[in-house]
C-alpha atoms as a PDB file:
ATOM      1  CA  MET A   1      -4.850 -45.227  65.903  1.00  0.00           C
ATOM      2  CA  THR A   2      -1.466 -45.057  64.177  1.00  0.00           C
ATOM      3  CA  ILE A   3       1.334 -47.062  65.783  1.00  0.00           C
ATOM      4  CA  HIS A   4       4.609 -47.521  63.923  1.00  0.00           C
ATOM      5  CA  PRO A   5       5.523 -51.208  63.588  1.00  0.00           C
ATOM      6  CA  THR A   6       8.783 -50.641  65.483  1.00  0.00           C
ATOM      7  CA  ALA A   7       7.031 -49.061  68.480  1.00  0.00           C
ATOM      8  CA  ILE A   8       6.302 -51.077  71.640  1.00  0.00           C
ATOM      9  CA  VAL A   9       2.978 -50.476  73.368  1.00  0.00           C
ATOM     10  CA  ASP A  10       2.355 -52.466  76.526  1.00  0.00           C
ATOM     11  CA  LYS A  11      -0.973 -54.245  76.879  1.00  0.00           C
ATOM     12  CA  GLY A  12      -1.466 -52.406  80.157  1.00  0.00           C
ATOM     13  CA  ALA A  13      -1.488 -49.012  78.429  1.00  0.00           C
ATOM     14  CA  GLU A  14      -4.708 -47.265  77.402  1.00  0.00           C
ATOM     15  CA  LEU A  15      -4.650 -45.363  74.109  1.00  0.00           C
ATOM     16  CA  ALA A  16      -7.502 -43.415  72.524  1.00  0.00           C
ATOM     17  CA  SER A  17      -8.524 -44.438  69.029  1.00  0.00           C
ATOM     18  CA  ASP A  18      -6.736 -41.549  67.290  1.00  0.00           C
ATOM     19  CA  VAL A  19      -3.405 -41.609  69.150  1.00  0.00           C
ATOM     20  CA  ALA A  20      -0.250 -41.669  67.005  1.00  0.00           C
ATOM     21  CA  VAL A  21       2.983 -43.343  68.201  1.00  0.00           C
ATOM     22  CA  GLY A  22       6.204 -42.901  66.239  1.00  0.00           C
ATOM     23  CA  ALA A  23       9.052 -45.245  65.362  1.00  0.00           C
ATOM     24  CA  TYR A  24      10.954 -47.036  68.142  1.00  0.00           C
ATOM     25  CA  SER A  25       8.911 -45.402  70.894  1.00  0.00           C
ATOM     26  CA  ILE A  26       7.903 -47.269  74.057  1.00  0.00           C
ATOM     27  CA  ILE A  27       4.594 -46.844  75.885  1.00  0.00           C
ATOM     28  CA  GLY A  28       4.644 -48.652  79.221  1.00  0.00           C
ATOM     29  CA  PRO A  29       1.967 -50.182  81.449  1.00  0.00           C
ATOM     30  CA  GLY A  30      -0.147 -47.720  83.397  1.00  0.00           C
ATOM     31  CA  VAL A  31       0.080 -45.025  80.711  1.00  0.00           C
ATOM     32  CA  THR A  32      -3.116 -43.353  79.465  1.00  0.00           C
ATOM     33  CA  LEU A  33      -2.955 -41.352  76.239  1.00  0.00           C
ATOM     34  CA  ARG A  34      -6.187 -39.500  75.522  1.00  0.00           C
ATOM     35  CA  GLU A  35      -7.679 -38.214  72.280  1.00  0.00           C
ATOM     36  CA  GLY A  36      -5.338 -36.679  69.740  1.00  0.00           C
ATOM     37  CA  VAL A  37      -2.074 -37.366  71.578  1.00  0.00           C
ATOM     38  CA  GLU A  38       0.978 -37.648  69.308  1.00  0.00           C
ATOM     39  CA  VAL A  39       4.229 -39.326  70.361  1.00  0.00           C
ATOM     40  CA  GLY A  40       7.339 -38.741  68.260  1.00  0.00           C
ATOM     41  CA  ALA A  41      10.045 -41.240  67.393  1.00  0.00           C
ATOM     42  CA  HIS A  42      12.399 -42.744  69.991  1.00  0.00           C
ATOM     43  CA  SER A  43      10.291 -41.530  72.930  1.00  0.00           C
ATOM     44  CA  ILE A  44       9.525 -43.276  76.210  1.00  0.00           C
ATOM     45  CA  ILE A  45       6.378 -42.768  78.265  1.00  0.00           C
ATOM     46  CA  LYS A  46       5.968 -44.896  81.358  1.00  0.00           C
ATOM     47  CA  GLY A  47       3.583 -44.761  84.248  1.00  0.00           C
ATOM     48  CA  VAL A  48       1.415 -44.319  86.052  1.00  0.00           C
ATOM     49  CA  THR A  49       1.098 -41.378  83.607  1.00  0.00           C
ATOM     50  CA  ASP A  50      -2.129 -39.766  82.356  1.00  0.00           C
ATOM     51  CA  VAL A  51      -1.796 -37.507  79.295  1.00  0.00           C
ATOM     52  CA  GLY A  52      -4.618 -35.137  78.320  1.00  0.00           C
ATOM     53  CA  SER A  53      -6.048 -34.736  74.840  1.00  0.00           C
ATOM     54  CA  GLY A  54      -4.232 -32.820  72.119  1.00  0.00           C
ATOM     55  CA  THR A  55      -0.819 -33.092  73.765  1.00  0.00           C
ATOM     56  CA  LYS A  56       2.147 -33.541  71.439  1.00  0.00           C
ATOM     57  CA  PHE A  57       5.487 -35.136  72.306  1.00  0.00           C
ATOM     58  CA  PHE A  58       8.314 -34.566  69.856  1.00  0.00           C
ATOM     59  CA  HIS A  59      11.176 -37.026  69.373  1.00  0.00           C
ATOM     60  CA  HIS A  60      13.373 -38.430  72.165  1.00  0.00           C
ATOM     61  CA  VAL A  61      11.293 -37.304  75.139  1.00  0.00           C
ATOM     62  CA  VAL A  62      11.268 -39.339  78.369  1.00  0.00           C
ATOM     63  CA  ILE A  63       8.032 -38.849  80.268  1.00  0.00           C
ATOM     64  CA  GLY A  64       6.917 -40.423  83.560  1.00  0.00           C
ATOM     65  CA  GLU A  65      10.290 -41.872  84.529  1.00  0.00           C
ATOM     66  CA  ASP A  66      11.175 -42.641  88.150  1.00  0.00           C
ATOM     67  CA  PRO A  67      11.935 -39.570  90.296  1.00  0.00           C
ATOM     68  CA  GLN A  68      15.585 -38.632  90.738  1.00  0.00           C
ATOM     69  CA  ASP A  69      15.336 -38.836  94.503  1.00  0.00           C
ATOM     70  CA  GLN A  70      17.472 -41.140  96.629  1.00  0.00           C
ATOM     71  CA  LYS A  71      14.557 -41.707  99.000  1.00  0.00           C
ATOM     72  CA  TYR A  72      12.468 -43.196  96.194  1.00  0.00           C
ATOM     73  CA  ALA A  73      12.186 -46.961  96.630  1.00  0.00           C
ATOM     74  CA  GLY A  74       9.917 -48.020  93.786  1.00  0.00           C
ATOM     75  CA  GLU A  75       6.581 -46.864  95.214  1.00  0.00           C
ATOM     76  CA  VAL A  76       3.675 -46.360  92.827  1.00  0.00           C
ATOM     77  CA  THR A  77       3.511 -42.643  92.049  1.00  0.00           C
ATOM     78  CA  ARG A  78       1.914 -40.613  89.255  1.00  0.00           C
ATOM     79  CA  LEU A  79       2.344 -37.992  86.590  1.00  0.00           C
ATOM     80  CA  GLU A  80      -0.731 -36.066  85.445  1.00  0.00           C
ATOM     81  CA  ILE A  81      -0.500 -33.999  82.261  1.00  0.00           C
ATOM     82  CA  GLY A  82      -3.352 -31.798  81.036  1.00  0.00           C
ATOM     83  CA  GLU A  83      -4.521 -30.940  77.540  1.00  0.00           C
ATOM     84  CA  ASN A  84      -2.824 -29.340  74.527  1.00  0.00           C
ATOM     85  CA  ASN A  85       0.708 -29.318  75.870  1.00  0.00           C
ATOM     86  CA  THR A  86       3.787 -29.406  73.643  1.00  0.00           C
ATOM     87  CA  PHE A  87       6.965 -31.212  74.713  1.00  0.00           C
ATOM     88  CA  ARG A  88       9.890 -30.637  72.381  1.00  0.00           C
ATOM     89  CA  GLU A  89      12.925 -32.849  71.831  1.00  0.00           C
ATOM     90  CA  PHE A  90      14.752 -34.446  74.780  1.00  0.00           C
ATOM     91  CA  THR A  91      12.381 -33.080  77.426  1.00  0.00           C
ATOM     92  CA  THR A  92      12.186 -35.155  80.627  1.00  0.00           C
ATOM     93  CA  VAL A  93       9.379 -35.150  83.203  1.00  0.00           C
ATOM     94  CA  ASN A  94       9.491 -37.324  86.341  1.00  0.00           C
ATOM     95  CA  ARG A  95       6.686 -38.780  88.419  1.00  0.00           C
ATOM     96  CA  GLY A  96       6.118 -37.707  92.036  1.00  0.00           C
ATOM     97  CA  THR A  97       7.323 -39.223  95.305  1.00  0.00           C
ATOM     98  CA  VAL A  98       5.305 -40.448  98.253  1.00  0.00           C
ATOM     99  CA  ALA A  99       6.926 -37.824 100.462  1.00  0.00           C
ATOM    100  CA  GLY A 100       5.871 -35.091  98.043  1.00  0.00           C
ATOM    101  CA  GLY A 101       2.267 -36.217  97.711  1.00  0.00           C
ATOM    102  CA  GLY A 102       2.822 -38.866  95.064  1.00  0.00           C
ATOM    103  CA  VAL A 103       2.135 -36.834  91.948  1.00  0.00           C
ATOM    104  CA  THR A 104       3.728 -34.409  89.501  1.00  0.00           C
ATOM    105  CA  THR A 105       1.095 -32.261  87.783  1.00  0.00           C
ATOM    106  CA  ILE A 106       1.159 -30.229  84.578  1.00  0.00           C
ATOM    107  CA  GLY A 107      -1.792 -28.111  83.467  1.00  0.00           C
ATOM    108  CA  ASN A 108      -3.010 -27.131  79.997  1.00  0.00           C
ATOM    109  CA  GLY A 109      -1.530 -25.325  77.023  1.00  0.00           C
ATOM    110  CA  ASN A 110       2.093 -25.308  78.145  1.00  0.00           C
ATOM    111  CA  LEU A 111       5.166 -25.213  75.897  1.00  0.00           C
ATOM    112  CA  PHE A 112       8.277 -27.127  76.970  1.00  0.00           C
ATOM    113  CA  MET A 113      11.114 -26.445  74.539  1.00  0.00           C
ATOM    114  CA  ALA A 114      14.057 -28.762  73.947  1.00  0.00           C
ATOM    115  CA  TYR A 115      16.061 -30.226  76.852  1.00  0.00           C
ATOM    116  CA  VAL A 116      13.653 -29.017  79.555  1.00  0.00           C
ATOM    117  CA  HIS A 117      13.541 -30.993  82.811  1.00  0.00           C
ATOM    118  CA  VAL A 118      10.581 -31.057  85.209  1.00  0.00           C
ATOM    119  CA  ALA A 119      11.497 -32.942  88.385  1.00  0.00           C
ATOM    120  CA  HIS A 120       9.418 -34.954  90.843  1.00  0.00           C
ATOM    121  CA  ASP A 121       6.455 -33.428  92.693  1.00  0.00           C
ATOM    122  CA  CYS A 122       6.445 -30.222  90.647  1.00  0.00           C
ATOM    123  CA  LYS A 123       3.225 -28.371  89.910  1.00  0.00           C
ATOM    124  CA  VAL A 124       3.106 -26.505  86.615  1.00  0.00           C
ATOM    125  CA  GLY A 125       0.048 -24.388  85.854  1.00  0.00           C
ATOM    126  CA  ASN A 126      -1.443 -23.363  82.510  1.00  0.00           C
ATOM    127  CA  ARG A 127       0.032 -21.500  79.516  1.00  0.00           C
ATOM    128  CA  VAL A 128       3.562 -21.640  80.932  1.00  0.00           C
ATOM    129  CA  ILE A 129       6.585 -21.385  78.619  1.00  0.00           C
ATOM    130  CA  PHE A 130       9.844 -23.191  79.377  1.00  0.00           C
ATOM    131  CA  ALA A 131      12.548 -22.090  76.929  1.00  0.00           C
ATOM    132  CA  ASN A 132      15.348 -24.421  75.854  1.00  0.00           C
ATOM    133  CA  ALA A 133      17.192 -26.190  78.688  1.00  0.00           C
ATOM    134  CA  ALA A 134      15.138 -24.619  81.489  1.00  0.00           C
ATOM    135  CA  ASN A 135      15.286 -26.961  84.485  1.00  0.00           C
ATOM    136  CA  ILE A 136      13.229 -27.038  87.671  1.00  0.00           C
ATOM    137  CA  ALA A 137      14.131 -29.164  90.682  1.00  0.00           C
ATOM    138  CA  GLY A 138      11.755 -31.174  92.854  1.00  0.00           C
ATOM    139  CA  HIS A 139       8.682 -29.652  94.528  1.00  0.00           C
ATOM    140  CA  VAL A 140       8.804 -26.454  92.455  1.00  0.00           C
ATOM    141  CA  VAL A 141       5.538 -24.618  91.708  1.00  0.00           C
ATOM    142  CA  VAL A 142       5.213 -22.634  88.472  1.00  0.00           C
ATOM    143  CA  GLU A 143       2.005 -20.632  88.298  1.00  0.00           C
ATOM    144  CA  ASP A 144      -0.116 -19.757  85.247  1.00  0.00           C
ATOM    145  CA  SER A 145       1.404 -17.777  82.338  1.00  0.00           C
ATOM    146  CA  ALA A 146       4.920 -17.695  83.784  1.00  0.00           C
ATOM    147  CA  VAL A 147       7.939 -17.729  81.461  1.00  0.00           C
ATOM    148  CA  LEU A 148      11.272 -19.444  82.166  1.00  0.00           C
ATOM    149  CA  GLY A 149      14.052 -18.381  79.841  1.00  0.00           C
ATOM    150  CA  GLY A 150      16.738 -20.562  78.330  1.00  0.00           C
ATOM    151  CA  LEU A 151      19.223 -22.279  80.677  1.00  0.00           C
ATOM    152  CA  VAL A 152      17.202 -21.301  83.747  1.00  0.00           C
ATOM    153  CA  GLY A 153      17.566 -23.267  86.983  1.00  0.00           C
ATOM    154  CA  VAL A 154      15.075 -23.256  89.862  1.00  0.00           C
ATOM    155  CA  HIS A 155      15.946 -24.583  93.342  1.00  0.00           C
ATOM    156  CA  GLN A 156      13.821 -27.179  95.146  1.00  0.00           C
ATOM    157  CA  HIS A 157      10.597 -25.911  96.769  1.00  0.00           C
ATOM    158  CA  CYS A 158      10.710 -22.524  95.027  1.00  0.00           C
ATOM    159  CA  ARG A 159       7.683 -20.885  93.439  1.00  0.00           C
ATOM    160  CA  ILE A 160       7.513 -18.884  90.213  1.00  0.00           C
ATOM    161  CA  GLY A 161       4.488 -16.603  90.422  1.00  0.00           C
ATOM    162  CA  HIS A 162       1.646 -15.859  88.012  1.00  0.00           C
ATOM    163  CA  CYS A 163       2.858 -13.982  84.899  1.00  0.00           C
ATOM    164  CA  ALA A 164       6.400 -13.800  86.269  1.00  0.00           C
ATOM    165  CA  MET A 165       9.435 -14.112  84.027  1.00  0.00           C
ATOM    166  CA  LEU A 166      12.788 -15.605  85.009  1.00  0.00           C
ATOM    167  CA  GLY A 167      15.226 -14.392  82.366  1.00  0.00           C
ATOM    168  CA  GLY A 168      17.643 -16.553  80.425  1.00  0.00           C
ATOM    169  CA  GLY A 169      20.424 -18.055  82.519  1.00  0.00           C
ATOM    170  CA  GLY A 170      18.735 -17.033  85.757  1.00  0.00           C
ATOM    171  CA  MET A 171      19.167 -19.177  88.858  1.00  0.00           C
ATOM    172  CA  ALA A 172      16.326 -18.821  91.366  1.00  0.00           C
ATOM    173  CA  ALA A 173      17.030 -19.972  94.904  1.00  0.00           C
ATOM    174  CA  GLN A 174      14.026 -18.062  96.288  1.00  0.00           C
ATOM    175  CA  ASP A 175      10.466 -17.414  95.152  1.00  0.00           C
ATOM    176  CA  VAL A 176       9.887 -15.087  92.183  1.00  0.00           C
ATOM    177  CA  PRO A 177       6.797 -12.960  92.969  1.00  0.00           C
ATOM    178  CA  PRO A 178       3.888 -12.736  90.504  1.00  0.00           C
ATOM    179  CA  TYR A 179       4.037 -10.175  87.682  1.00  0.00           C
ATOM    180  CA  THR A 180       7.773  -9.495  88.083  1.00  0.00           C
ATOM    181  CA  ILE A 181      10.951 -10.047  86.067  1.00  0.00           C
ATOM    182  CA  ALA A 182      13.885 -11.754  87.764  1.00  0.00           C
ATOM    183  CA  GLN A 183      17.367 -12.269  86.380  1.00  0.00           C
ATOM    184  CA  GLY A 184      20.830 -13.384  87.432  1.00  0.00           C
ATOM    185  CA  ASP A 185      22.588 -15.793  89.775  1.00  0.00           C
ATOM    186  CA  ARG A 186      21.113 -15.628  92.394  1.00  0.00           C
ATOM    187  CA  ALA A 187      18.095 -14.044  90.768  1.00  0.00           C
ATOM    188  CA  ARG A 188      17.043 -10.531  91.743  1.00  0.00           C
ATOM    189  CA  LEU A 189      14.032  -8.493  90.651  1.00  0.00           C
ATOM    190  CA  TYR A 190      14.280  -5.972  87.818  1.00  0.00           C
ATOM    191  CA  GLY A 191      10.748  -4.601  87.711  1.00  0.00           C
ATOM    192  CA  LEU A 192       7.388  -5.726  86.415  1.00  0.00           C
ATOM    193  CA  ASN A 193       6.826  -8.043  83.473  1.00  0.00           C
ATOM    194  CA  ILE A 194       4.948  -5.313  81.603  1.00  0.00           C
ATOM    195  CA  VAL A 195       4.936  -7.089  78.240  1.00  0.00           C
ATOM    196  CA  GLY A 196       3.667 -10.308  79.794  1.00  0.00           C
ATOM    197  CA  LEU A 197       0.972  -8.476  81.745  1.00  0.00           C
ATOM    198  CA  ARG A 198      -0.292  -6.736  78.608  1.00  0.00           C
ATOM    199  CA  ARG A 199      -0.306  -9.986  76.668  1.00  0.00           C
ATOM    200  CA  ASN A 200      -2.395 -11.534  79.426  1.00  0.00           C
ATOM    201  CA  GLY A 201      -5.019  -8.794  79.303  1.00  0.00           C
ATOM    202  CA  PHE A 202      -4.187  -6.670  82.365  1.00  0.00           C
ATOM    203  CA  ASP A 203      -5.669  -3.185  81.888  1.00  0.00           C
ATOM    204  CA  LEU A 204      -3.924   0.131  82.515  1.00  0.00           C
ATOM    205  CA  ASP A 205      -5.440   0.712  85.952  1.00  0.00           C
ATOM    206  CA  VAL A 206      -4.190  -2.638  87.203  1.00  0.00           C
ATOM    207  CA  LEU A 207      -0.745  -2.047  85.686  1.00  0.00           C
ATOM    208  CA  ASN A 208      -0.498   1.317  87.446  1.00  0.00           C
ATOM    209  CA  ALA A 209      -1.548  -0.245  90.753  1.00  0.00           C
ATOM    210  CA  LEU A 210       1.065  -2.990  90.373  1.00  0.00           C
ATOM    211  CA  LYS A 211       3.730  -0.374  89.592  1.00  0.00           C
ATOM    212  CA  GLY A 212       2.890   1.490  92.778  1.00  0.00           C
ATOM    213  CA  ALA A 213       2.886  -1.693  94.828  1.00  0.00           C
ATOM    214  CA  TYR A 214       6.224  -2.768  93.351  1.00  0.00           C
ATOM    215  CA  ARG A 215       7.857   0.533  94.342  1.00  0.00           C
ATOM    216  CA  GLU A 216       6.641   0.273  97.922  1.00  0.00           C
ATOM    217  CA  LEU A 217       7.635  -3.369  98.285  1.00  0.00           C
ATOM    218  CA  PHE A 218      10.990  -3.468  96.520  1.00  0.00           C
ATOM    219  CA  VAL A 219      12.347   0.027  95.842  1.00  0.00           C
ATOM    220  CA  GLN A 220      11.617   2.420  98.697  1.00  0.00           C
ATOM    221  CA  GLY A 221      13.632   0.495 101.265  1.00  0.00           C
ATOM    222  CA  LEU A 222      10.882  -0.027 103.806  1.00  0.00           C
ATOM    223  CA  PRO A 223      10.950  -3.142 106.000  1.00  0.00           C
ATOM    224  CA  LEU A 224       8.967  -5.730 104.081  1.00  0.00           C
ATOM    225  CA  ARG A 225       6.430  -6.227 106.867  1.00  0.00           C
ATOM    226  CA  ILE A 226       5.557  -2.524 106.898  1.00  0.00           C
ATOM    227  CA  ALA A 227       5.503  -2.298 103.104  1.00  0.00           C
ATOM    228  CA  LEU A 228       3.108  -5.240 102.893  1.00  0.00           C
ATOM    229  CA  GLU A 229       0.740  -3.617 105.372  1.00  0.00           C
ATOM    230  CA  GLN A 230       0.718  -0.357 103.426  1.00  0.00           C
ATOM    231  CA  VAL A 231       0.229  -2.047 100.062  1.00  0.00           C
ATOM    232  CA  ARG A 232      -2.575  -4.215 101.412  1.00  0.00           C
ATOM    233  CA  GLU A 233      -4.425  -1.140 102.632  1.00  0.00           C
ATOM    234  CA  VAL A 234      -3.794   1.221  99.715  1.00  0.00           C
ATOM    235  CA  TYR A 235      -4.670  -1.329  97.033  1.00  0.00           C
ATOM    236  CA  ALA A 236      -7.397  -3.209  98.875  1.00  0.00           C
ATOM    237  CA  GLU A 237      -9.664  -3.117  95.799  1.00  0.00           C
ATOM    238  CA  VAL A 238      -7.086  -4.485  93.317  1.00  0.00           C
ATOM    239  CA  PRO A 239      -7.160  -8.305  93.278  1.00  0.00           C
ATOM    240  CA  ALA A 240      -3.839  -8.596  91.429  1.00  0.00           C
ATOM    241  CA  VAL A 241      -2.040  -6.597  94.125  1.00  0.00           C
ATOM    242  CA  GLN A 242      -3.707  -8.644  96.856  1.00  0.00           C
ATOM    243  CA  ASP A 243      -2.511 -11.805  95.098  1.00  0.00           C
ATOM    244  CA  LEU A 244       1.017 -10.390  95.117  1.00  0.00           C
ATOM    245  CA  VAL A 245       0.778  -9.678  98.850  1.00  0.00           C
ATOM    246  CA  ARG A 246      -0.526 -13.168  99.622  1.00  0.00           C
ATOM    247  CA  PHE A 247       2.221 -14.774  97.560  1.00  0.00           C
ATOM    248  CA  ILE A 248       4.902 -12.941  99.527  1.00  0.00           C
ATOM    249  CA  GLU A 249       3.288 -13.628 102.894  1.00  0.00           C
ATOM    250  CA  THR A 250       3.026 -17.365 102.213  1.00  0.00           C
ATOM    251  CA  SER A 251       6.612 -17.771 101.003  1.00  0.00           C
ATOM    252  CA  THR A 252       8.620 -20.385 102.875  1.00  0.00           C
ATOM    253  CA  ARG A 253      11.943 -19.863 101.086  1.00  0.00           C
ATOM    254  CA  GLY A 254      11.786 -16.070 101.003  1.00  0.00           C
ATOM    255  CA  ILE A 255      11.456 -13.989  97.865  1.00  0.00           C
ATOM    256  CA  CYS A 256      13.921 -12.556  95.373  1.00  0.00           C
ATOM    257  CA  ARG A 257      14.652  -8.953  96.320  1.00  0.00           C
ATOM    258  CA  GLY A 258      14.970  -5.883  94.153  1.00  0.00           C
ATOM    259  CA  ALA A 259      18.181  -5.162  92.266  1.00  0.00           C
ATOM    260  CA  GLY A 260      17.949  -1.416  92.992  1.00  0.00           C
ATOM    261  CA  GLY A 261      16.674   1.545  91.017  1.00  0.00           C
ATOM    262  CA  ASP A 262      13.047   1.995  90.005  1.00  0.00           C
ATOM    263  CA  PRO A 263      12.342  -0.031  86.859  1.00  0.00           C
ATOM    264  CA  ALA A 264       8.650  -0.258  87.733  1.00  0.00           C
ATOM    265  CA  HIS A 265       7.931   3.022  85.941  1.00  0.00           C
ATOM    266  CA  GLU A 266       8.889   1.578  82.555  1.00  0.00           C
ATOM    267  CA  ALA A 267       6.033   1.304  80.059  1.00  0.00           C
END
């Protein structure tokens, strides 16, 4: 264990034997730092916060702070962070609230670039990328392998779907469906995230099925209910398309709609 002499580590914190804590950092009671965690200089981690192995915090991060919610009255809530995450400079992540289930959760292998904010009760999946100054409000869900561009904002209770991309400066006030690209204020859909899908191992047959489903759902102008029924039937044997249908059907805020044209044909 390497703890800089200027750092403050509370006796109520639990640190694995190989944790490193940088200069002037503060580790509060209730914090658990597992194997291989590194904490940069001038950082604050308070709890109850559990950090998985291999996670690295750069300088000036604030992790596990009280939720920014006026209903919060000091209740004991949690932040759970998985393994091998990277939090760059000035990132902030808040604990949950009792009303939201009491916990903010972050999965494995995520990259949070500088000035990112993850608010209370959010659920972030695995292998997600938050570019610089991307901010998500309370109760947001970001599914696996999604990408949030720089200066992005996401409204409370929205969902960003699996392998979706919200482009730089985008402001999402509704759900962004899986596998799509959204952009703008308020965000609209501009086709499939073809590059992201290829990088995540989707084969050509699945890509073609998703292109067809995208056209029916967002381009052809059919009522969404009818389009969903057709897509469900035509692509019954394509799990990715069925996931897209389920995501839309379970939306509570509504989904971003197409911006027009037919970008789904782009390779």
